[in-house]
Amino acid sequence: MRILVTGASGLIGTEFFALAKSAGHEVVALSRDAARAHHWSMDSGIPEQELREVHAVLHLAGENIGNQRWSEAQKQKILESRRRGTRAVAESIASGGRHLRAFVCASAVGFYGDKGAEVLTERSEPGGGFLHETCVEWENAATPAKDAGLRVVHARFGVVLNAHEGMLARLLPLFRWCLGAKIADGRQWISWISTRDVARAVLFIVENSDLHGPVNVCAPFPVTNYEFGSTLAALLKRPCWLTVPGFVIELLFGQMGSELILASQRAVPKRLLDAGFEFETAELRDALRVEIGLRKV
């Protein structure tokens, strides 16, 4: 299978690229640099010649939501990078890629908003807030491809655990310096997935013609913030006795802190499990052991 990937240099894209190639697929990374051989544009999408003899498109490109505090300008940049880019790709696919077997587009469990301890499947109602609004716009932007009759999947990613990038990479130094802490009351739920399983799940989605629409891409056993911190501290043989009050998070990070750190999403991958996907690391402790080098897959 020949697969085009936007955002191939990101965490998920990098892992998927390596896994899909090892599985025998031809994977082509698209760049927004028009001078490169394989490129795409936020305005015009994917050139028609790039779509010839292609079986699937994986669209992962988008502004990083956690790089800096959310000013109004940054929020607009985050939203537009997803809405505008996805619509351009979807329209180009609808025009020149109707032969594709799949268009898989990134989304996030932030679609559900802050839902406390409610168990969230793909049938759960959306929530509120900027992340929810962004995810709704993001998914709606793929409509042209869906209207053209293609199989469109919205991969709603949870937190990807990686020792070198993202949430875990930021926490590891603090925990190693004995500064591990729970956030607020520690009861907010975290929907997570290991680095290897996120790539395996995306490849499973690409290959499985029965999957379409929203698919939660997260491990089957989400944990609370307290459980996450306690497990990580135990594996590192460090204490986790500090507490960071919620108001401190809001003062430091504003709306970004409220929605990325304090919000609670207890999502489960019902459609993946129903389709027969098997996780290599379904339990948090096992996934963390792999990521911090205490266990090999």
C-alpha atoms as a PDB file:
ATOM      1  CA  MET A   1       0.000   0.000   0.000  1.00  0.00           C
ATOM      2  CA  ARG A   2       1.277   3.514  -0.849  1.00  0.00           C
ATOM      3  CA  ILE A   3       0.496   6.003   1.923  1.00  0.00           C
ATOM      4  CA  LEU A   4       0.974   9.783   1.883  1.00  0.00           C
ATOM      5  CA  VAL A   5       1.604  11.439   5.253  1.00  0.00           C
ATOM      6  CA  THR A   6       1.436  15.100   6.219  1.00  0.00           C
ATOM      7  CA  GLY A   7       3.046  16.027   9.530  1.00  0.00           C
ATOM      8  CA  ALA A   8       5.430  13.094   9.109  1.00  0.00           C
ATOM      9  CA  SER A   9       8.155  14.798  11.164  1.00  0.00           C
ATOM     10  CA  GLY A  10       5.984  14.978  14.283  1.00  0.00           C
ATOM     11  CA  LEU A  11       5.885  12.368  17.045  1.00  0.00           C
ATOM     12  CA  ILE A  12       3.031  10.275  15.636  1.00  0.00           C
ATOM     13  CA  GLY A  13       4.149  10.748  12.042  1.00  0.00           C
ATOM     14  CA  THR A  14       7.707   9.644  12.770  1.00  0.00           C
ATOM     15  CA  GLU A  15       6.575   6.480  14.586  1.00  0.00           C
ATOM     16  CA  PHE A  16       3.988   5.641  11.952  1.00  0.00           C
ATOM     17  CA  PHE A  17       6.461   6.170   9.116  1.00  0.00           C
ATOM     18  CA  ALA A  18       8.944   3.690  10.577  1.00  0.00           C
ATOM     19  CA  LEU A  19       6.309   1.087  11.482  1.00  0.00           C
ATOM     20  CA  ALA A  20       4.471   1.208   8.150  1.00  0.00           C
ATOM     21  CA  LYS A  21       7.720   0.887   6.191  1.00  0.00           C
ATOM     22  CA  SER A  22       8.768  -2.096   8.295  1.00  0.00           C
ATOM     23  CA  ALA A  23       5.377  -3.667   7.524  1.00  0.00           C
ATOM     24  CA  GLY A  24       6.114  -3.451   3.805  1.00  0.00           C
ATOM     25  CA  HIS A  25       4.171  -0.316   2.874  1.00  0.00           C
ATOM     26  CA  GLU A  26       5.530   2.506   0.742  1.00  0.00           C
ATOM     27  CA  VAL A  27       5.262   5.660   2.847  1.00  0.00           C
ATOM     28  CA  VAL A  28       5.760   9.132   1.387  1.00  0.00           C
ATOM     29  CA  ALA A  29       6.244  12.169   3.621  1.00  0.00           C
ATOM     30  CA  LEU A  30       4.639  15.339   2.240  1.00  0.00           C
ATOM     31  CA  SER A  31       6.260  18.695   2.968  1.00  0.00           C
ATOM     32  CA  ARG A  32       4.889  22.237   2.747  1.00  0.00           C
ATOM     33  CA  ASP A  33       8.162  23.225   1.081  1.00  0.00           C
ATOM     34  CA  ALA A  34       7.178  23.569  -2.584  1.00  0.00           C
ATOM     35  CA  ALA A  35      10.800  23.077  -3.614  1.00  0.00           C
ATOM     36  CA  ARG A  36      10.719  19.469  -2.419  1.00  0.00           C
ATOM     37  CA  ALA A  37       9.716  16.544  -4.608  1.00  0.00           C
ATOM     38  CA  HIS A  38       6.644  15.646  -2.554  1.00  0.00           C
ATOM     39  CA  HIS A  39       4.732  18.627  -1.214  1.00  0.00           C
ATOM     40  CA  TRP A  40       1.330  19.904  -0.162  1.00  0.00           C
ATOM     41  CA  SER A  41      -0.158  23.315   0.589  1.00  0.00           C
ATOM     42  CA  MET A  42      -2.403  24.759   3.289  1.00  0.00           C
ATOM     43  CA  ASP A  43      -4.239  26.540   0.455  1.00  0.00           C
ATOM     44  CA  SER A  44      -4.434  24.019  -2.381  1.00  0.00           C
ATOM     45  CA  GLY A  45      -3.949  20.717  -0.565  1.00  0.00           C
ATOM     46  CA  ILE A  46      -2.180  17.820  -2.290  1.00  0.00           C
ATOM     47  CA  PRO A  47      -1.248  18.163  -5.987  1.00  0.00           C
ATOM     48  CA  GLU A  48      -3.128  15.754  -8.235  1.00  0.00           C
ATOM     49  CA  GLN A  49       0.067  14.094  -9.451  1.00  0.00           C
ATOM     50  CA  GLU A  50       0.955  13.163  -5.858  1.00  0.00           C
ATOM     51  CA  LEU A  51      -2.363  11.322  -5.473  1.00  0.00           C
ATOM     52  CA  ARG A  52      -1.811   8.984  -8.408  1.00  0.00           C
ATOM     53  CA  GLU A  53      -1.281   5.343  -7.416  1.00  0.00           C
ATOM     54  CA  VAL A  54      -1.830   6.252  -3.754  1.00  0.00           C
ATOM     55  CA  HIS A  55      -3.992   4.059  -1.528  1.00  0.00           C
ATOM     56  CA  ALA A  56      -4.355   6.189   1.623  1.00  0.00           C
ATOM     57  CA  VAL A  57      -3.647   9.651   3.014  1.00  0.00           C
ATOM     58  CA  LEU A  58      -2.796  10.234   6.676  1.00  0.00           C
ATOM     59  CA  HIS A  59      -3.203  13.900   7.613  1.00  0.00           C
ATOM     60  CA  LEU A  60      -1.406  14.755  10.871  1.00  0.00           C
ATOM     61  CA  ALA A  61      -0.186  18.304  10.235  1.00  0.00           C
ATOM     62  CA  GLY A  62      -1.210  21.074  12.626  1.00  0.00           C
ATOM     63  CA  GLU A  63       0.185  23.725  14.982  1.00  0.00           C
ATOM     64  CA  ASN A  64       1.374  22.240  18.306  1.00  0.00           C
ATOM     65  CA  ILE A  65      -1.238  23.080  20.930  1.00  0.00           C
ATOM     66  CA  GLY A  66       1.136  23.000  23.917  1.00  0.00           C
ATOM     67  CA  ASN A  67       4.129  24.988  22.700  1.00  0.00           C
ATOM     68  CA  GLN A  68       3.114  28.323  24.217  1.00  0.00           C
ATOM     69  CA  ARG A  69       0.393  30.051  26.244  1.00  0.00           C
ATOM     70  CA  TRP A  70      -2.787  30.593  24.269  1.00  0.00           C
ATOM     71  CA  SER A  71      -3.124  34.201  23.217  1.00  0.00           C
ATOM     72  CA  GLU A  72      -6.008  34.986  20.879  1.00  0.00           C
ATOM     73  CA  ALA A  73      -3.512  35.047  18.007  1.00  0.00           C
ATOM     74  CA  GLN A  74      -2.101  31.647  18.979  1.00  0.00           C
ATOM     75  CA  LYS A  75      -5.576  30.127  19.304  1.00  0.00           C
ATOM     76  CA  GLN A  76      -6.418  31.381  15.827  1.00  0.00           C
ATOM     77  CA  LYS A  77      -3.178  29.885  14.505  1.00  0.00           C
ATOM     78  CA  ILE A  78      -3.992  26.509  16.113  1.00  0.00           C
ATOM     79  CA  LEU A  79      -7.526  26.521  14.716  1.00  0.00           C
ATOM     80  CA  GLU A  80      -6.637  27.661  11.212  1.00  0.00           C
ATOM     81  CA  SER A  81      -3.755  25.190  10.859  1.00  0.00           C
ATOM     82  CA  ARG A  82      -6.296  22.418  11.353  1.00  0.00           C
ATOM     83  CA  ARG A  83      -9.412  23.771   9.682  1.00  0.00           C
ATOM     84  CA  ARG A  84      -7.745  25.338   6.662  1.00  0.00           C
ATOM     85  CA  GLY A  85      -5.180  22.585   6.112  1.00  0.00           C
ATOM     86  CA  THR A  86      -7.668  19.741   6.487  1.00  0.00           C
ATOM     87  CA  ARG A  87     -10.220  21.326   4.172  1.00  0.00           C
ATOM     88  CA  ALA A  88      -7.563  21.909   1.506  1.00  0.00           C
ATOM     89  CA  VAL A  89      -6.416  18.283   1.709  1.00  0.00           C
ATOM     90  CA  ALA A  90     -10.002  16.981   1.724  1.00  0.00           C
ATOM     91  CA  GLU A  91     -10.955  19.067  -1.312  1.00  0.00           C
ATOM     92  CA  SER A  92      -7.919  17.949  -3.280  1.00  0.00           C
ATOM     93  CA  ILE A  93      -8.690  14.317  -2.418  1.00  0.00           C
ATOM     94  CA  ALA A  94     -12.335  14.770  -3.428  1.00  0.00           C
ATOM     95  CA  SER A  95     -11.129  16.110  -6.775  1.00  0.00           C
ATOM     96  CA  GLY A  96      -8.246  13.797  -7.612  1.00  0.00           C
ATOM     97  CA  GLY A  97      -8.205  10.996  -5.075  1.00  0.00           C
ATOM     98  CA  ARG A  98     -11.546   9.213  -5.220  1.00  0.00           C
ATOM     99  CA  HIS A  99      -9.699   5.948  -5.745  1.00  0.00           C
ATOM    100  CA  LEU A 100      -8.229   6.139  -2.206  1.00  0.00           C
ATOM    101  CA  ARG A 101      -9.048   3.407   0.286  1.00  0.00           C
ATOM    102  CA  ALA A 102      -8.833   5.776   3.268  1.00  0.00           C
ATOM    103  CA  PHE A 103      -8.404   9.347   4.400  1.00  0.00           C
ATOM    104  CA  VAL A 104      -7.333   9.295   8.053  1.00  0.00           C
ATOM    105  CA  CYS A 105      -7.281  12.688   9.713  1.00  0.00           C
ATOM    106  CA  ALA A 106      -5.978  13.548  13.174  1.00  0.00           C
ATOM    107  CA  SER A 107      -8.294  14.831  15.885  1.00  0.00           C
ATOM    108  CA  ALA A 108      -8.169  14.614  19.700  1.00  0.00           C
ATOM    109  CA  VAL A 109     -10.105  13.462  22.757  1.00  0.00           C
ATOM    110  CA  GLY A 110     -10.378  17.178  23.526  1.00  0.00           C
ATOM    111  CA  PHE A 111     -13.488  16.876  21.330  1.00  0.00           C
ATOM    112  CA  TYR A 112     -15.390  15.704  24.417  1.00  0.00           C
ATOM    113  CA  GLY A 113     -14.500  18.693  26.620  1.00  0.00           C
ATOM    114  CA  ASP A 114     -14.192  18.404  30.394  1.00  0.00           C
ATOM    115  CA  LYS A 115     -16.419  15.428  31.331  1.00  0.00           C
ATOM    116  CA  GLY A 116     -15.156  14.463  34.785  1.00  0.00           C
ATOM    117  CA  ALA A 117     -15.369  10.703  35.431  1.00  0.00           C
ATOM    118  CA  GLU A 118     -17.828   9.961  32.600  1.00  0.00           C
ATOM    119  CA  VAL A 119     -16.617   7.104  30.392  1.00  0.00           C
ATOM    120  CA  LEU A 120     -16.349   8.467  26.858  1.00  0.00           C
ATOM    121  CA  THR A 121     -16.841   6.373  23.732  1.00  0.00           C
ATOM    122  CA  GLU A 122     -17.070   7.595  20.161  1.00  0.00           C
ATOM    123  CA  ARG A 123     -20.837   7.978  20.669  1.00  0.00           C
ATOM    124  CA  SER A 124     -20.445  10.380  23.616  1.00  0.00           C
ATOM    125  CA  GLU A 125     -21.684  13.945  23.270  1.00  0.00           C
ATOM    126  CA  PRO A 126     -19.156  16.711  22.601  1.00  0.00           C
ATOM    127  CA  GLY A 127     -18.250  19.145  25.360  1.00  0.00           C
ATOM    128  CA  GLY A 128     -17.295  22.812  25.356  1.00  0.00           C
ATOM    129  CA  GLY A 129     -14.231  25.021  25.282  1.00  0.00           C
ATOM    130  CA  PHE A 130     -11.617  25.967  22.725  1.00  0.00           C
ATOM    131  CA  LEU A 131     -10.264  22.438  22.205  1.00  0.00           C
ATOM    132  CA  HIS A 132     -13.757  21.093  21.634  1.00  0.00           C
ATOM    133  CA  GLU A 133     -14.522  23.845  19.127  1.00  0.00           C
ATOM    134  CA  THR A 134     -11.212  23.241  17.364  1.00  0.00           C
ATOM    135  CA  CYS A 135     -11.842  19.490  17.106  1.00  0.00           C
ATOM    136  CA  VAL A 136     -15.347  20.032  15.741  1.00  0.00           C
ATOM    137  CA  GLU A 137     -14.054  22.431  13.072  1.00  0.00           C
ATOM    138  CA  TRP A 138     -11.150  20.055  12.375  1.00  0.00           C
ATOM    139  CA  GLU A 139     -13.408  17.066  11.772  1.00  0.00           C
ATOM    140  CA  ASN A 140     -15.986  19.049   9.797  1.00  0.00           C
ATOM    141  CA  ALA A 141     -13.228  20.261   7.470  1.00  0.00           C
ATOM    142  CA  ALA A 142     -12.870  16.708   6.120  1.00  0.00           C
ATOM    143  CA  THR A 143     -16.465  16.748   4.824  1.00  0.00           C
ATOM    144  CA  PRO A 144     -15.543  17.204   1.122  1.00  0.00           C
ATOM    145  CA  ALA A 145     -13.739  13.857   1.144  1.00  0.00           C
ATOM    146  CA  LYS A 146     -16.651  12.171   2.906  1.00  0.00           C
ATOM    147  CA  ASP A 147     -19.147  13.685   0.462  1.00  0.00           C
ATOM    148  CA  ALA A 148     -17.034  12.287  -2.389  1.00  0.00           C
ATOM    149  CA  GLY A 149     -17.636   8.782  -1.010  1.00  0.00           C
ATOM    150  CA  LEU A 150     -14.275   8.143   0.618  1.00  0.00           C
ATOM    151  CA  ARG A 151     -13.751   6.292   3.869  1.00  0.00           C
ATOM    152  CA  VAL A 152     -12.895   9.082   6.305  1.00  0.00           C
ATOM    153  CA  VAL A 153     -11.615   8.366   9.833  1.00  0.00           C
ATOM    154  CA  HIS A 154     -11.149  10.965  12.570  1.00  0.00           C
ATOM    155  CA  ALA A 155      -8.433   9.592  14.861  1.00  0.00           C
ATOM    156  CA  ARG A 156      -9.146  11.173  18.260  1.00  0.00           C
ATOM    157  CA  PHE A 157      -5.762  10.896  19.915  1.00  0.00           C
ATOM    158  CA  GLY A 158      -5.174  10.787  23.638  1.00  0.00           C
ATOM    159  CA  VAL A 159      -1.904  11.852  25.282  1.00  0.00           C
ATOM    160  CA  VAL A 160       0.968  10.052  23.552  1.00  0.00           C
ATOM    161  CA  LEU A 161       3.568   8.936  26.090  1.00  0.00           C
ATOM    162  CA  ASN A 162       7.114   9.536  24.901  1.00  0.00           C
ATOM    163  CA  ALA A 163      10.240  10.152  26.965  1.00  0.00           C
ATOM    164  CA  HIS A 164      11.580  12.701  24.485  1.00  0.00           C
ATOM    165  CA  GLU A 165       8.538  14.723  23.510  1.00  0.00           C
ATOM    166  CA  GLY A 166       5.221  15.876  24.960  1.00  0.00           C
ATOM    167  CA  MET A 167       3.780  15.568  28.465  1.00  0.00           C
ATOM    168  CA  LEU A 168       5.957  12.723  29.725  1.00  0.00           C
ATOM    169  CA  ALA A 169       9.151  14.403  28.488  1.00  0.00           C
ATOM    170  CA  ARG A 170       8.240  17.524  30.497  1.00  0.00           C
ATOM    171  CA  LEU A 171       7.410  15.552  33.634  1.00  0.00           C
ATOM    172  CA  LEU A 172      10.404  13.226  33.761  1.00  0.00           C
ATOM    173  CA  PRO A 173      13.006  15.809  34.897  1.00  0.00           C
ATOM    174  CA  LEU A 174      10.684  17.086  37.622  1.00  0.00           C
ATOM    175  CA  PHE A 175       9.993  13.616  38.967  1.00  0.00           C
ATOM    176  CA  ARG A 176      13.669  12.671  38.809  1.00  0.00           C
ATOM    177  CA  TRP A 177      14.464  15.794  40.868  1.00  0.00           C
ATOM    178  CA  CYS A 178      11.897  14.677  43.484  1.00  0.00           C
ATOM    179  CA  LEU A 179       9.465  17.381  42.381  1.00  0.00           C
ATOM    180  CA  GLY A 180       6.693  15.015  41.331  1.00  0.00           C
ATOM    181  CA  ALA A 181       3.219  16.335  42.163  1.00  0.00           C
ATOM    182  CA  LYS A 182      -0.453  15.776  41.624  1.00  0.00           C
ATOM    183  CA  ILE A 183      -2.380  18.593  39.975  1.00  0.00           C
ATOM    184  CA  ALA A 184      -5.285  20.087  41.934  1.00  0.00           C
ATOM    185  CA  ASP A 185      -7.272  17.225  43.526  1.00  0.00           C
ATOM    186  CA  GLY A 186      -5.664  14.682  41.157  1.00  0.00           C
ATOM    187  CA  ARG A 187      -9.024  13.288  40.082  1.00  0.00           C
ATOM    188  CA  GLN A 188      -8.965  14.498  36.482  1.00  0.00           C
ATOM    189  CA  TRP A 189      -8.752  11.603  34.029  1.00  0.00           C
ATOM    190  CA  ILE A 190      -5.972  11.200  31.462  1.00  0.00           C
ATOM    191  CA  SER A 191      -6.560   9.244  28.258  1.00  0.00           C
ATOM    192  CA  TRP A 192      -3.104   8.070  27.205  1.00  0.00           C
ATOM    193  CA  ILE A 193      -1.446   5.756  24.700  1.00  0.00           C
ATOM    194  CA  SER A 194       2.113   4.476  24.266  1.00  0.00           C
ATOM    195  CA  THR A 195       4.295   5.651  21.393  1.00  0.00           C
ATOM    196  CA  ARG A 196       4.387   2.249  19.710  1.00  0.00           C
ATOM    197  CA  ASP A 197       0.678   1.551  20.167  1.00  0.00           C
ATOM    198  CA  VAL A 198      -0.324   4.882  18.645  1.00  0.00           C
ATOM    199  CA  ALA A 199       1.569   3.995  15.460  1.00  0.00           C
ATOM    200  CA  ARG A 200       0.160   0.454  15.473  1.00  0.00           C
ATOM    201  CA  ALA A 201      -3.381   1.776  15.975  1.00  0.00           C
ATOM    202  CA  VAL A 202      -3.086   4.246  13.092  1.00  0.00           C
ATOM    203  CA  LEU A 203      -1.764   1.554  10.756  1.00  0.00           C
ATOM    204  CA  PHE A 204      -4.619  -0.737  11.862  1.00  0.00           C
ATOM    205  CA  ILE A 205      -7.091   2.040  11.002  1.00  0.00           C
ATOM    206  CA  VAL A 206      -5.525   2.588   7.583  1.00  0.00           C
ATOM    207  CA  GLU A 207      -5.679  -1.122   6.780  1.00  0.00           C
ATOM    208  CA  ASN A 208      -9.130  -1.868   8.272  1.00  0.00           C
ATOM    209  CA  SER A 209     -11.866  -0.950   5.796  1.00  0.00           C
ATOM    210  CA  ASP A 210     -14.606  -1.393   8.414  1.00  0.00           C
ATOM    211  CA  LEU A 211     -13.473   1.606  10.468  1.00  0.00           C
ATOM    212  CA  HIS A 212     -14.842   5.020   9.614  1.00  0.00           C
ATOM    213  CA  GLY A 213     -15.918   8.181  11.416  1.00  0.00           C
ATOM    214  CA  PRO A 214     -14.505   8.988  14.874  1.00  0.00           C
ATOM    215  CA  VAL A 215     -12.142   6.475  16.484  1.00  0.00           C
ATOM    216  CA  ASN A 216     -10.677   7.030  19.945  1.00  0.00           C
ATOM    217  CA  VAL A 217      -6.950   6.311  19.755  1.00  0.00           C
ATOM    218  CA  CYS A 218      -6.031   5.797  23.401  1.00  0.00           C
ATOM    219  CA  ALA A 219      -5.330   2.896  25.734  1.00  0.00           C
ATOM    220  CA  PRO A 220      -8.316   0.985  27.190  1.00  0.00           C
ATOM    221  CA  PHE A 221      -7.447   1.913  30.786  1.00  0.00           C
ATOM    222  CA  PRO A 222      -7.287   5.678  31.356  1.00  0.00           C
ATOM    223  CA  VAL A 223      -5.999   6.837  34.747  1.00  0.00           C
ATOM    224  CA  THR A 224      -6.425   9.809  37.032  1.00  0.00           C
ATOM    225  CA  ASN A 225      -3.748  12.438  37.387  1.00  0.00           C
ATOM    226  CA  TYR A 226      -2.982  11.086  40.867  1.00  0.00           C
ATOM    227  CA  GLU A 227      -2.593   7.529  39.544  1.00  0.00           C
ATOM    228  CA  PHE A 228      -0.358   8.713  36.743  1.00  0.00           C
ATOM    229  CA  GLY A 229       1.962  10.637  39.074  1.00  0.00           C
ATOM    230  CA  SER A 230       2.075   7.865  41.674  1.00  0.00           C
ATOM    231  CA  THR A 231       2.909   5.222  39.062  1.00  0.00           C
ATOM    232  CA  LEU A 232       5.650   7.291  37.450  1.00  0.00           C
ATOM    233  CA  ALA A 233       7.162   8.168  40.839  1.00  0.00           C
ATOM    234  CA  ALA A 234       7.182   4.534  41.945  1.00  0.00           C
ATOM    235  CA  LEU A 235       8.962   3.414  38.765  1.00  0.00           C
ATOM    236  CA  LEU A 236      11.579   6.137  39.205  1.00  0.00           C
ATOM    237  CA  LYS A 237      11.857   5.361  42.940  1.00  0.00           C
ATOM    238  CA  ARG A 238      11.024   8.952  43.787  1.00  0.00           C
ATOM    239  CA  PRO A 239       8.362  10.532  46.030  1.00  0.00           C
ATOM    240  CA  CYS A 240       5.207  12.191  44.722  1.00  0.00           C
ATOM    241  CA  TRP A 241       4.024  14.158  47.723  1.00  0.00           C
ATOM    242  CA  LEU A 242       3.605  17.676  46.319  1.00  0.00           C
ATOM    243  CA  THR A 243       0.366  19.252  45.133  1.00  0.00           C
ATOM    244  CA  VAL A 244       0.072  22.046  42.578  1.00  0.00           C
ATOM    245  CA  PRO A 245      -3.209  23.920  43.213  1.00  0.00           C
ATOM    246  CA  GLY A 246      -5.489  24.396  40.246  1.00  0.00           C
ATOM    247  CA  PHE A 247      -5.417  28.184  40.535  1.00  0.00           C
ATOM    248  CA  VAL A 248      -1.624  28.123  40.102  1.00  0.00           C
ATOM    249  CA  ILE A 249      -2.015  26.220  36.830  1.00  0.00           C
ATOM    250  CA  GLU A 250      -4.583  28.760  35.657  1.00  0.00           C
ATOM    251  CA  LEU A 251      -2.340  31.682  36.642  1.00  0.00           C
ATOM    252  CA  LEU A 252       0.660  30.200  34.858  1.00  0.00           C
ATOM    253  CA  PHE A 253      -0.997  28.872  31.721  1.00  0.00           C
ATOM    254  CA  GLY A 254      -4.411  30.539  31.491  1.00  0.00           C
ATOM    255  CA  GLN A 255      -7.000  28.815  29.314  1.00  0.00           C
ATOM    256  CA  MET A 256      -4.375  26.386  28.032  1.00  0.00           C
ATOM    257  CA  GLY A 257      -3.840  25.144  31.589  1.00  0.00           C
ATOM    258  CA  SER A 258      -7.564  24.796  32.210  1.00  0.00           C
ATOM    259  CA  GLU A 259      -8.170  22.726  29.086  1.00  0.00           C
ATOM    260  CA  LEU A 260      -4.921  20.763  28.726  1.00  0.00           C
ATOM    261  CA  ILE A 261      -3.986  20.135  32.357  1.00  0.00           C
ATOM    262  CA  LEU A 262      -7.069  20.523  34.543  1.00  0.00           C
ATOM    263  CA  ALA A 263      -9.717  19.120  32.193  1.00  0.00           C
ATOM    264  CA  SER A 264     -10.790  15.478  32.557  1.00  0.00           C
ATOM    265  CA  GLN A 265     -11.384  13.055  29.676  1.00  0.00           C
ATOM    266  CA  ARG A 266     -11.940   9.379  30.455  1.00  0.00           C
ATOM    267  CA  ALA A 267     -12.016   8.140  26.873  1.00  0.00           C
ATOM    268  CA  VAL A 268     -11.910   4.475  25.879  1.00  0.00           C
ATOM    269  CA  PRO A 269     -11.151   2.996  22.420  1.00  0.00           C
ATOM    270  CA  LYS A 270     -14.417   1.136  21.893  1.00  0.00           C
ATOM    271  CA  ARG A 271     -14.278   1.043  18.102  1.00  0.00           C
ATOM    272  CA  LEU A 272     -10.663  -0.108  18.012  1.00  0.00           C
ATOM    273  CA  LEU A 273     -11.380  -2.903  20.481  1.00  0.00           C
ATOM    274  CA  ASP A 274     -14.583  -3.925  18.704  1.00  0.00           C
ATOM    275  CA  ALA A 275     -12.598  -4.142  15.444  1.00  0.00           C
ATOM    276  CA  GLY A 276     -10.095  -6.524  17.057  1.00  0.00           C
ATOM    277  CA  PHE A 277      -7.128  -4.248  17.750  1.00  0.00           C
ATOM    278  CA  GLU A 278      -4.833  -5.576  20.483  1.00  0.00           C
ATOM    279  CA  PHE A 279      -2.697  -3.201  22.543  1.00  0.00           C
ATOM    280  CA  GLU A 280       0.885  -4.149  23.335  1.00  0.00           C
ATOM    281  CA  THR A 281       0.857  -1.973  26.463  1.00  0.00           C
ATOM    282  CA  ALA A 282      -2.697  -1.543  27.724  1.00  0.00           C
ATOM    283  CA  GLU A 283      -1.682  -0.798  31.327  1.00  0.00           C
ATOM    284  CA  LEU A 284       0.001   2.481  32.291  1.00  0.00           C
ATOM    285  CA  ARG A 285       2.741   0.847  34.342  1.00  0.00           C
ATOM    286  CA  ASP A 286       3.843  -1.319  31.411  1.00  0.00           C
ATOM    287  CA  ALA A 287       3.794   1.615  28.993  1.00  0.00           C
ATOM    288  CA  LEU A 288       5.854   3.821  31.312  1.00  0.00           C
ATOM    289  CA  ARG A 289       8.369   1.028  31.889  1.00  0.00           C
ATOM    290  CA  VAL A 290       8.926   0.856  28.124  1.00  0.00           C
ATOM    291  CA  GLU A 291       9.130   4.617  27.662  1.00  0.00           C
ATOM    292  CA  ILE A 292      11.651   5.215  30.429  1.00  0.00           C
ATOM    293  CA  GLY A 293      13.792   2.239  29.445  1.00  0.00           C
ATOM    294  CA  LEU A 294      12.942  -0.280  32.164  1.00  0.00           C
ATOM    295  CA  ARG A 295      11.405  -2.782  29.741  1.00  0.00           C
ATOM    296  CA  LYS A 296      11.732  -3.650  26.072  1.00  0.00           C
ATOM    297  CA  VAL A 297       8.713  -4.268  23.871  1.00  0.00           C
END
